[in-house]
Amino acid sequence: MNLYEAMNLRKSTRRYCWEPLSEDTLKRIGAFYEEVESLFPGIRTEIGITDNLDRKHMPKGLFAVKAPYYLTVYSERKDRYAVNAGYICEQMSLYMHTLGLGSCFLGSAKLPKKKRVHDDLTFVIMMAFGKPEGILSRRSADAKRLPLQKLCTYRDEPGRMIRELLEAARLAPSAFNTQPWRFVAADGNIHIFSKKNDIDQFRMLDEFSFGTMFSHIMIAADELWLDVDLIRLENISQKDFKKSQYVLSAVVREE
């Protein structure tokens, strides 16, 4: 199973078996992080893995999930650092799925004050993971997501490849399943917008969610052998929108 196949099967796992993972599995997770591509390579990140088999390291916060392991993500606080973290974390989650492991993002989890900074990097998010109690996967048709008709405006009839990129984006997980993105498909490209949010904490979670969605687009593009650039187009970024704001465009490069 590759990341694209996992993308169509992954679901958030909130119940786990309290079984240890092999040292090899933990090393493979660490090695994958070292190889994973960032959306913005200029932002330094680090991860940590906490063994919670003794149940002494439960995170605090609303909707905290009890799990045998936690992955903690730290980042430099640069522009769009949360987007970058989401881009990395979704790939980590999908990779765990290929190993038969469940995972769940804990957007409201809080760390003790002394652990909120690591090597001058700021805590971003935690992810619970481990062997799932119950079924690991779900069919993509069973994902609780809005249909593309409500997420996307079509300026022209998109081709099969663009539809597959949009479907991959639609399946991306988001904080509280808010799906804060909207799409405009035009001229063989996808223009991506965000619903405006003035609350700082929710804005950070929205940015993290956008990172997960961008990772889905790029994973699908790789599967389809498409060259896609995620860039801001000046002719769109200069426009003013009442209820949304322009984020990026997925521009398909022609051969």
C-alpha atoms as a PDB file:
ATOM      1  CA  MET A   1       0.000   0.000   0.000  1.00  0.00           C
ATOM      2  CA  ASN A   2       1.283   3.478  -0.864  1.00  0.00           C
ATOM      3  CA  LEU A   3       0.271   6.904   0.499  1.00  0.00           C
ATOM      4  CA  TYR A   4      -2.292   7.451  -2.258  1.00  0.00           C
ATOM      5  CA  GLU A   5      -4.062   4.189  -1.462  1.00  0.00           C
ATOM      6  CA  ALA A   6      -3.921   4.982   2.263  1.00  0.00           C
ATOM      7  CA  MET A   7      -5.438   8.403   1.566  1.00  0.00           C
ATOM      8  CA  ASN A   8      -8.594   6.723   0.309  1.00  0.00           C
ATOM      9  CA  LEU A   9      -8.816   4.390   3.333  1.00  0.00           C
ATOM     10  CA  ARG A  10      -7.555   6.317   6.360  1.00  0.00           C
ATOM     11  CA  LYS A  11      -9.891   7.428   9.129  1.00  0.00           C
ATOM     12  CA  SER A  12      -9.211   8.976  12.520  1.00  0.00           C
ATOM     13  CA  THR A  13      -8.647   6.276  15.142  1.00  0.00           C
ATOM     14  CA  ARG A  14      -9.739   7.061  18.702  1.00  0.00           C
ATOM     15  CA  ARG A  15      -9.553   3.618  20.312  1.00  0.00           C
ATOM     16  CA  TYR A  16      -6.305   1.667  20.510  1.00  0.00           C
ATOM     17  CA  CYS A  17      -4.922  -1.656  21.625  1.00  0.00           C
ATOM     18  CA  TRP A  18      -2.358  -1.196  24.373  1.00  0.00           C
ATOM     19  CA  GLU A  19       0.297  -3.222  22.632  1.00  0.00           C
ATOM     20  CA  PRO A  20       3.934  -2.201  22.156  1.00  0.00           C
ATOM     21  CA  LEU A  21       5.224  -1.491  18.676  1.00  0.00           C
ATOM     22  CA  SER A  22       8.454  -3.097  17.573  1.00  0.00           C
ATOM     23  CA  GLU A  23      11.643  -1.071  17.668  1.00  0.00           C
ATOM     24  CA  ASP A  24      11.852  -1.540  13.915  1.00  0.00           C
ATOM     25  CA  THR A  25       8.423   0.031  13.387  1.00  0.00           C
ATOM     26  CA  LEU A  26       9.304   3.082  15.492  1.00  0.00           C
ATOM     27  CA  LYS A  27      12.581   3.460  13.608  1.00  0.00           C
ATOM     28  CA  ARG A  28      10.741   3.275  10.292  1.00  0.00           C
ATOM     29  CA  ILE A  29       8.415   6.076  11.398  1.00  0.00           C
ATOM     30  CA  GLY A  30      11.388   8.210  12.381  1.00  0.00           C
ATOM     31  CA  ALA A  31      13.178   7.428   9.121  1.00  0.00           C
ATOM     32  CA  PHE A  32      10.089   8.348   7.093  1.00  0.00           C
ATOM     33  CA  TYR A  33       9.943  11.742   8.802  1.00  0.00           C
ATOM     34  CA  GLU A  34      13.556  12.369   7.827  1.00  0.00           C
ATOM     35  CA  GLU A  35      12.663  11.727   4.184  1.00  0.00           C
ATOM     36  CA  VAL A  36       9.250  13.422   4.049  1.00  0.00           C
ATOM     37  CA  GLU A  37       9.006  16.545   1.906  1.00  0.00           C
ATOM     38  CA  SER A  38       7.970  19.839   3.482  1.00  0.00           C
ATOM     39  CA  LEU A  39       5.659  22.274   1.748  1.00  0.00           C
ATOM     40  CA  PHE A  40       7.961  25.118   2.807  1.00  0.00           C
ATOM     41  CA  PRO A  41      11.484  23.656   3.199  1.00  0.00           C
ATOM     42  CA  GLY A  42      12.748  26.863   4.834  1.00  0.00           C
ATOM     43  CA  ILE A  43      10.783  26.121   8.019  1.00  0.00           C
ATOM     44  CA  ARG A  44      12.655  23.890  10.458  1.00  0.00           C
ATOM     45  CA  THR A  45      10.626  21.169  12.196  1.00  0.00           C
ATOM     46  CA  GLU A  46      11.247  18.314  14.593  1.00  0.00           C
ATOM     47  CA  ILE A  47       9.188  15.440  15.960  1.00  0.00           C
ATOM     48  CA  GLY A  48       9.252  13.413  19.132  1.00  0.00           C
ATOM     49  CA  ILE A  49       7.656  10.041  19.923  1.00  0.00           C
ATOM     50  CA  THR A  50       6.328   9.412  23.425  1.00  0.00           C
ATOM     51  CA  ASP A  51       5.792   5.862  24.693  1.00  0.00           C
ATOM     52  CA  ASN A  52       2.591   5.971  26.761  1.00  0.00           C
ATOM     53  CA  LEU A  53       2.192   2.249  27.411  1.00  0.00           C
ATOM     54  CA  ASP A  54       2.398   2.968  31.149  1.00  0.00           C
ATOM     55  CA  ARG A  55      -0.444   5.533  30.729  1.00  0.00           C
ATOM     56  CA  LYS A  56       1.566   8.200  32.529  1.00  0.00           C
ATOM     57  CA  HIS A  57       1.852  10.639  29.623  1.00  0.00           C
ATOM     58  CA  MET A  58      -1.765  11.377  28.727  1.00  0.00           C
ATOM     59  CA  PRO A  59      -2.184  14.784  27.038  1.00  0.00           C
ATOM     60  CA  LYS A  60      -4.531  17.358  28.547  1.00  0.00           C
ATOM     61  CA  GLY A  61      -7.190  19.290  26.700  1.00  0.00           C
ATOM     62  CA  LEU A  62     -10.624  18.839  25.176  1.00  0.00           C
ATOM     63  CA  PHE A  63     -11.145  15.746  23.023  1.00  0.00           C
ATOM     64  CA  ALA A  64      -7.854  14.207  24.184  1.00  0.00           C
ATOM     65  CA  VAL A  65      -7.488  10.614  22.979  1.00  0.00           C
ATOM     66  CA  LYS A  66      -5.922   7.870  25.089  1.00  0.00           C
ATOM     67  CA  ALA A  67      -3.295   6.097  23.026  1.00  0.00           C
ATOM     68  CA  PRO A  68      -0.180   3.975  23.579  1.00  0.00           C
ATOM     69  CA  TYR A  69       1.992   6.391  21.566  1.00  0.00           C
ATOM     70  CA  TYR A  70       2.017  10.077  20.730  1.00  0.00           C
ATOM     71  CA  LEU A  71       3.886  11.929  18.038  1.00  0.00           C
ATOM     72  CA  THR A  72       4.688  15.534  18.974  1.00  0.00           C
ATOM     73  CA  VAL A  73       5.457  18.123  16.305  1.00  0.00           C
ATOM     74  CA  TYR A  74       7.551  21.262  16.819  1.00  0.00           C
ATOM     75  CA  SER A  75       8.258  24.033  14.333  1.00  0.00           C
ATOM     76  CA  GLU A  76       9.875  27.397  13.832  1.00  0.00           C
ATOM     77  CA  ARG A  77       7.215  30.120  14.095  1.00  0.00           C
ATOM     78  CA  LYS A  78       7.473  31.461  10.583  1.00  0.00           C
ATOM     79  CA  ASP A  79       4.777  32.534   8.169  1.00  0.00           C
ATOM     80  CA  ARG A  80       2.493  29.557   7.425  1.00  0.00           C
ATOM     81  CA  TYR A  81       4.322  27.263   9.808  1.00  0.00           C
ATOM     82  CA  ALA A  82       1.033  25.543  10.728  1.00  0.00           C
ATOM     83  CA  VAL A  83       0.286  24.843   7.043  1.00  0.00           C
ATOM     84  CA  ASN A  84       3.717  23.292   6.702  1.00  0.00           C
ATOM     85  CA  ALA A  85       3.187  21.186   9.845  1.00  0.00           C
ATOM     86  CA  GLY A  86      -0.147  19.914   8.532  1.00  0.00           C
ATOM     87  CA  TYR A  87       1.472  18.996   5.223  1.00  0.00           C
ATOM     88  CA  ILE A  88       4.103  16.913   7.015  1.00  0.00           C
ATOM     89  CA  CYS A  89       1.770  15.382   9.601  1.00  0.00           C
ATOM     90  CA  GLU A  90      -0.762  14.101   7.090  1.00  0.00           C
ATOM     91  CA  GLN A  91       1.997  12.262   5.254  1.00  0.00           C
ATOM     92  CA  MET A  92       3.146  10.812   8.582  1.00  0.00           C
ATOM     93  CA  SER A  93      -0.410   9.692   9.353  1.00  0.00           C
ATOM     94  CA  LEU A  94      -0.842   8.094   5.931  1.00  0.00           C
ATOM     95  CA  TYR A  95       2.496   6.322   6.264  1.00  0.00           C
ATOM     96  CA  MET A  96       1.419   4.938   9.649  1.00  0.00           C
ATOM     97  CA  HIS A  97      -1.706   3.611   7.942  1.00  0.00           C
ATOM     98  CA  THR A  98       0.474   1.691   5.457  1.00  0.00           C
ATOM     99  CA  LEU A  99       2.092   0.051   8.506  1.00  0.00           C
ATOM    100  CA  GLY A 100      -1.297  -1.033   9.859  1.00  0.00           C
ATOM    101  CA  LEU A 101      -1.408   1.697  12.502  1.00  0.00           C
ATOM    102  CA  GLY A 102      -4.219   4.077  13.349  1.00  0.00           C
ATOM    103  CA  SER A 103      -3.726   7.744  14.168  1.00  0.00           C
ATOM    104  CA  CYS A 104      -5.631  10.837  15.231  1.00  0.00           C
ATOM    105  CA  PHE A 105      -4.674  14.520  15.280  1.00  0.00           C
ATOM    106  CA  LEU A 106      -5.153  16.156  18.695  1.00  0.00           C
ATOM    107  CA  GLY A 107      -5.639  19.808  17.821  1.00  0.00           C
ATOM    108  CA  SER A 108      -6.649  20.867  21.321  1.00  0.00           C
ATOM    109  CA  ALA A 109      -4.034  18.863  23.250  1.00  0.00           C
ATOM    110  CA  LYS A 110      -1.871  20.863  25.641  1.00  0.00           C
ATOM    111  CA  LEU A 111       1.642  20.159  26.853  1.00  0.00           C
ATOM    112  CA  PRO A 112       3.159  21.162  30.205  1.00  0.00           C
ATOM    113  CA  LYS A 113       4.759  24.600  29.945  1.00  0.00           C
ATOM    114  CA  LYS A 114       8.308  23.205  30.083  1.00  0.00           C
ATOM    115  CA  LYS A 115       7.604  20.995  27.052  1.00  0.00           C
ATOM    116  CA  ARG A 116       6.025  23.659  24.817  1.00  0.00           C
ATOM    117  CA  VAL A 117       9.398  24.688  23.425  1.00  0.00           C
ATOM    118  CA  HIS A 118      12.008  22.247  22.153  1.00  0.00           C
ATOM    119  CA  ASP A 119      15.387  23.425  20.867  1.00  0.00           C
ATOM    120  CA  ASP A 120      13.921  26.888  20.137  1.00  0.00           C
ATOM    121  CA  LEU A 121      11.030  25.299  18.237  1.00  0.00           C
ATOM    122  CA  THR A 122       7.398  25.798  19.268  1.00  0.00           C
ATOM    123  CA  PHE A 123       4.914  22.992  19.915  1.00  0.00           C
ATOM    124  CA  VAL A 124       2.361  22.755  17.108  1.00  0.00           C
ATOM    125  CA  ILE A 125       0.275  19.595  17.559  1.00  0.00           C
ATOM    126  CA  MET A 126       0.185  16.040  18.868  1.00  0.00           C
ATOM    127  CA  MET A 127      -0.913  12.931  17.055  1.00  0.00           C
ATOM    128  CA  ALA A 128      -2.081   9.775  18.821  1.00  0.00           C
ATOM    129  CA  PHE A 129      -1.103   6.521  17.150  1.00  0.00           C
ATOM    130  CA  GLY A 130      -0.823   2.780  17.672  1.00  0.00           C
ATOM    131  CA  LYS A 131      -2.487  -0.498  16.778  1.00  0.00           C
ATOM    132  CA  PRO A 132      -6.214   0.179  16.368  1.00  0.00           C
ATOM    133  CA  GLU A 133      -8.903  -1.454  18.416  1.00  0.00           C
ATOM    134  CA  GLY A 134     -11.331  -2.415  15.689  1.00  0.00           C
ATOM    135  CA  ILE A 135     -11.304  -1.705  11.960  1.00  0.00           C
ATOM    136  CA  LEU A 136      -8.421   0.402  10.664  1.00  0.00           C
ATOM    137  CA  SER A 137      -9.913   1.540   7.341  1.00  0.00           C
ATOM    138  CA  ARG A 138     -13.089   2.917   5.869  1.00  0.00           C
ATOM    139  CA  ARG A 139     -14.253   3.224   2.277  1.00  0.00           C
ATOM    140  CA  SER A 140     -13.736   6.642   0.722  1.00  0.00           C
ATOM    141  CA  ALA A 141     -17.463   6.698  -0.041  1.00  0.00           C
ATOM    142  CA  ASP A 142     -18.135   6.521   3.708  1.00  0.00           C
ATOM    143  CA  ALA A 143     -15.992   9.563   4.560  1.00  0.00           C
ATOM    144  CA  LYS A 144     -18.098  12.280   6.172  1.00  0.00           C
ATOM    145  CA  ARG A 145     -17.201  15.031   3.728  1.00  0.00           C
ATOM    146  CA  LEU A 146     -19.173  17.593   1.744  1.00  0.00           C
ATOM    147  CA  PRO A 147     -19.707  16.639  -1.908  1.00  0.00           C
ATOM    148  CA  LEU A 148     -17.632  18.434  -4.509  1.00  0.00           C
ATOM    149  CA  GLN A 149     -20.751  20.239  -5.722  1.00  0.00           C
ATOM    150  CA  LYS A 150     -20.738  22.206  -2.455  1.00  0.00           C
ATOM    151  CA  LEU A 151     -16.976  22.694  -2.280  1.00  0.00           C
ATOM    152  CA  CYS A 152     -16.117  23.598  -5.859  1.00  0.00           C
ATOM    153  CA  THR A 153     -17.213  26.092  -8.510  1.00  0.00           C
ATOM    154  CA  TYR A 154     -16.477  25.061 -12.077  1.00  0.00           C
ATOM    155  CA  ARG A 155     -15.616  27.778 -14.593  1.00  0.00           C
ATOM    156  CA  ASP A 156     -15.309  25.112 -17.266  1.00  0.00           C
ATOM    157  CA  GLU A 157     -15.657  21.345 -17.484  1.00  0.00           C
ATOM    158  CA  PRO A 158     -12.636  19.843 -15.686  1.00  0.00           C
ATOM    159  CA  GLY A 159     -10.806  16.839 -17.085  1.00  0.00           C
ATOM    160  CA  ARG A 160     -10.430  13.519 -15.298  1.00  0.00           C
ATOM    161  CA  MET A 161      -7.078  14.435 -13.739  1.00  0.00           C
ATOM    162  CA  ILE A 162      -8.392  17.678 -12.215  1.00  0.00           C
ATOM    163  CA  ARG A 163     -11.416  15.830 -10.851  1.00  0.00           C
ATOM    164  CA  GLU A 164      -9.137  13.283  -9.198  1.00  0.00           C
ATOM    165  CA  LEU A 165      -7.076  16.061  -7.603  1.00  0.00           C
ATOM    166  CA  LEU A 166     -10.272  17.671  -6.325  1.00  0.00           C
ATOM    167  CA  GLU A 167     -11.520  14.369  -4.933  1.00  0.00           C
ATOM    168  CA  ALA A 168      -8.209  13.857  -3.135  1.00  0.00           C
ATOM    169  CA  ALA A 169      -8.515  17.356  -1.646  1.00  0.00           C
ATOM    170  CA  ARG A 170     -12.119  16.671  -0.622  1.00  0.00           C
ATOM    171  CA  LEU A 171     -11.072  13.612   1.387  1.00  0.00           C
ATOM    172  CA  ALA A 172      -8.519  15.508   3.486  1.00  0.00           C
ATOM    173  CA  PRO A 173      -9.176  15.609   7.247  1.00  0.00           C
ATOM    174  CA  SER A 174      -9.764  18.978   8.918  1.00  0.00           C
ATOM    175  CA  ALA A 175     -10.094  20.222  12.496  1.00  0.00           C
ATOM    176  CA  PHE A 176     -13.599  19.377  13.754  1.00  0.00           C
ATOM    177  CA  ASN A 177     -14.328  18.316  10.147  1.00  0.00           C
ATOM    178  CA  THR A 178     -15.024  21.950   9.229  1.00  0.00           C
ATOM    179  CA  GLN A 179     -13.616  21.600   5.703  1.00  0.00           C
ATOM    180  CA  PRO A 180     -12.664  25.293   5.569  1.00  0.00           C
ATOM    181  CA  TRP A 181     -11.622  25.190   1.918  1.00  0.00           C
ATOM    182  CA  ARG A 182     -13.428  26.093  -1.277  1.00  0.00           C
ATOM    183  CA  PHE A 183     -12.205  25.491  -4.811  1.00  0.00           C
ATOM    184  CA  VAL A 184     -12.578  27.109  -8.207  1.00  0.00           C
ATOM    185  CA  ALA A 185     -11.643  24.883 -11.151  1.00  0.00           C
ATOM    186  CA  ALA A 186     -10.699  26.919 -14.196  1.00  0.00           C
ATOM    187  CA  ASP A 187      -8.444  26.504 -17.238  1.00  0.00           C
ATOM    188  CA  GLY A 188      -7.074  23.164 -16.039  1.00  0.00           C
ATOM    189  CA  ASN A 189      -6.020  24.547 -12.632  1.00  0.00           C
ATOM    190  CA  ILE A 190      -7.495  24.627  -9.120  1.00  0.00           C
ATOM    191  CA  HIS A 191      -7.714  27.907  -7.213  1.00  0.00           C
ATOM    192  CA  ILE A 192      -8.018  27.370  -3.472  1.00  0.00           C
ATOM    193  CA  PHE A 193      -9.812  29.657  -1.019  1.00  0.00           C
ATOM    194  CA  SER A 194     -10.316  29.702   2.747  1.00  0.00           C
ATOM    195  CA  LYS A 195     -13.393  30.785   4.638  1.00  0.00           C
ATOM    196  CA  LYS A 196     -12.382  33.827   6.697  1.00  0.00           C
ATOM    197  CA  ASN A 197     -11.751  33.176  10.407  1.00  0.00           C
ATOM    198  CA  ASP A 198     -10.778  35.935  12.863  1.00  0.00           C
ATOM    199  CA  ILE A 199     -10.216  33.706  15.916  1.00  0.00           C
ATOM    200  CA  ASP A 200      -6.482  33.052  16.362  1.00  0.00           C
ATOM    201  CA  GLN A 201      -6.733  29.501  17.726  1.00  0.00           C
ATOM    202  CA  PHE A 202      -9.170  28.410  15.036  1.00  0.00           C
ATOM    203  CA  ARG A 203      -7.065  30.162  12.388  1.00  0.00           C
ATOM    204  CA  MET A 204      -4.056  28.042  13.372  1.00  0.00           C
ATOM    205  CA  LEU A 205      -6.124  24.856  13.155  1.00  0.00           C
ATOM    206  CA  ASP A 206      -7.509  25.948   9.785  1.00  0.00           C
ATOM    207  CA  GLU A 207      -3.972  26.517   8.515  1.00  0.00           C
ATOM    208  CA  PHE A 208      -2.928  23.071   9.767  1.00  0.00           C
ATOM    209  CA  SER A 209      -5.955  21.585   7.997  1.00  0.00           C
ATOM    210  CA  PHE A 210      -4.978  23.308   4.764  1.00  0.00           C
ATOM    211  CA  GLY A 211      -1.601  21.617   5.058  1.00  0.00           C
ATOM    212  CA  THR A 212      -3.282  18.204   5.193  1.00  0.00           C
ATOM    213  CA  MET A 213      -5.340  19.096   2.130  1.00  0.00           C
ATOM    214  CA  PHE A 214      -2.321  20.313   0.162  1.00  0.00           C
ATOM    215  CA  SER A 215      -0.554  17.033   0.942  1.00  0.00           C
ATOM    216  CA  HIS A 216      -3.506  15.131  -0.555  1.00  0.00           C
ATOM    217  CA  ILE A 217      -3.302  17.168  -3.754  1.00  0.00           C
ATOM    218  CA  MET A 218       0.420  16.570  -4.121  1.00  0.00           C
ATOM    219  CA  ILE A 219       0.192  12.854  -3.289  1.00  0.00           C
ATOM    220  CA  ALA A 220      -2.552  12.462  -5.900  1.00  0.00           C
ATOM    221  CA  ALA A 221      -0.516  14.465  -8.424  1.00  0.00           C
ATOM    222  CA  ASP A 222       2.440  12.146  -7.881  1.00  0.00           C
ATOM    223  CA  GLU A 223       0.212   9.094  -8.343  1.00  0.00           C
ATOM    224  CA  LEU A 224      -1.177  10.558 -11.576  1.00  0.00           C
ATOM    225  CA  TRP A 225       2.277  11.579 -12.838  1.00  0.00           C
ATOM    226  CA  LEU A 226       1.275  15.236 -12.922  1.00  0.00           C
ATOM    227  CA  ASP A 227       3.655  18.139 -12.332  1.00  0.00           C
ATOM    228  CA  VAL A 228       1.758  20.465 -10.000  1.00  0.00           C
ATOM    229  CA  ASP A 229       2.983  23.697  -8.414  1.00  0.00           C
ATOM    230  CA  LEU A 230       1.274  25.188  -5.363  1.00  0.00           C
ATOM    231  CA  ILE A 231       1.739  28.912  -5.948  1.00  0.00           C
ATOM    232  CA  ARG A 232       0.027  32.271  -5.403  1.00  0.00           C
ATOM    233  CA  LEU A 233      -1.156  33.958  -8.574  1.00  0.00           C
ATOM    234  CA  GLU A 234      -0.976  37.739  -8.421  1.00  0.00           C
ATOM    235  CA  ASN A 235      -4.044  38.315 -10.582  1.00  0.00           C
ATOM    236  CA  ILE A 236      -6.128  36.451  -7.965  1.00  0.00           C
ATOM    237  CA  SER A 237      -4.356  37.508  -4.752  1.00  0.00           C
ATOM    238  CA  GLN A 238      -5.028  41.185  -5.526  1.00  0.00           C
ATOM    239  CA  LYS A 239      -8.779  40.669  -5.634  1.00  0.00           C
ATOM    240  CA  ASP A 240     -10.978  41.278  -2.568  1.00  0.00           C
ATOM    241  CA  PHE A 241     -13.447  38.584  -1.510  1.00  0.00           C
ATOM    242  CA  LYS A 242     -16.129  39.196   1.150  1.00  0.00           C
ATOM    243  CA  LYS A 243     -16.489  35.747   2.733  1.00  0.00           C
ATOM    244  CA  SER A 244     -13.284  34.009   1.725  1.00  0.00           C
ATOM    245  CA  GLN A 245      -9.641  34.689   1.078  1.00  0.00           C
ATOM    246  CA  TYR A 246      -7.400  33.383  -1.638  1.00  0.00           C
ATOM    247  CA  VAL A 247      -4.729  30.927  -0.446  1.00  0.00           C
ATOM    248  CA  LEU A 248      -2.920  29.207  -3.318  1.00  0.00           C
ATOM    249  CA  SER A 249      -3.476  27.705  -6.740  1.00  0.00           C
ATOM    250  CA  ALA A 250      -2.662  24.171  -7.824  1.00  0.00           C
ATOM    251  CA  VAL A 251      -1.216  24.865 -11.275  1.00  0.00           C
ATOM    252  CA  VAL A 252      -0.666  21.880 -13.533  1.00  0.00           C
ATOM    253  CA  ARG A 253       2.484  22.300 -15.595  1.00  0.00           C
ATOM    254  CA  GLU A 254       2.155  21.212 -19.191  1.00  0.00           C
ATOM    255  CA  GLU A 255       4.889  19.064 -20.711  1.00  0.00           C
END
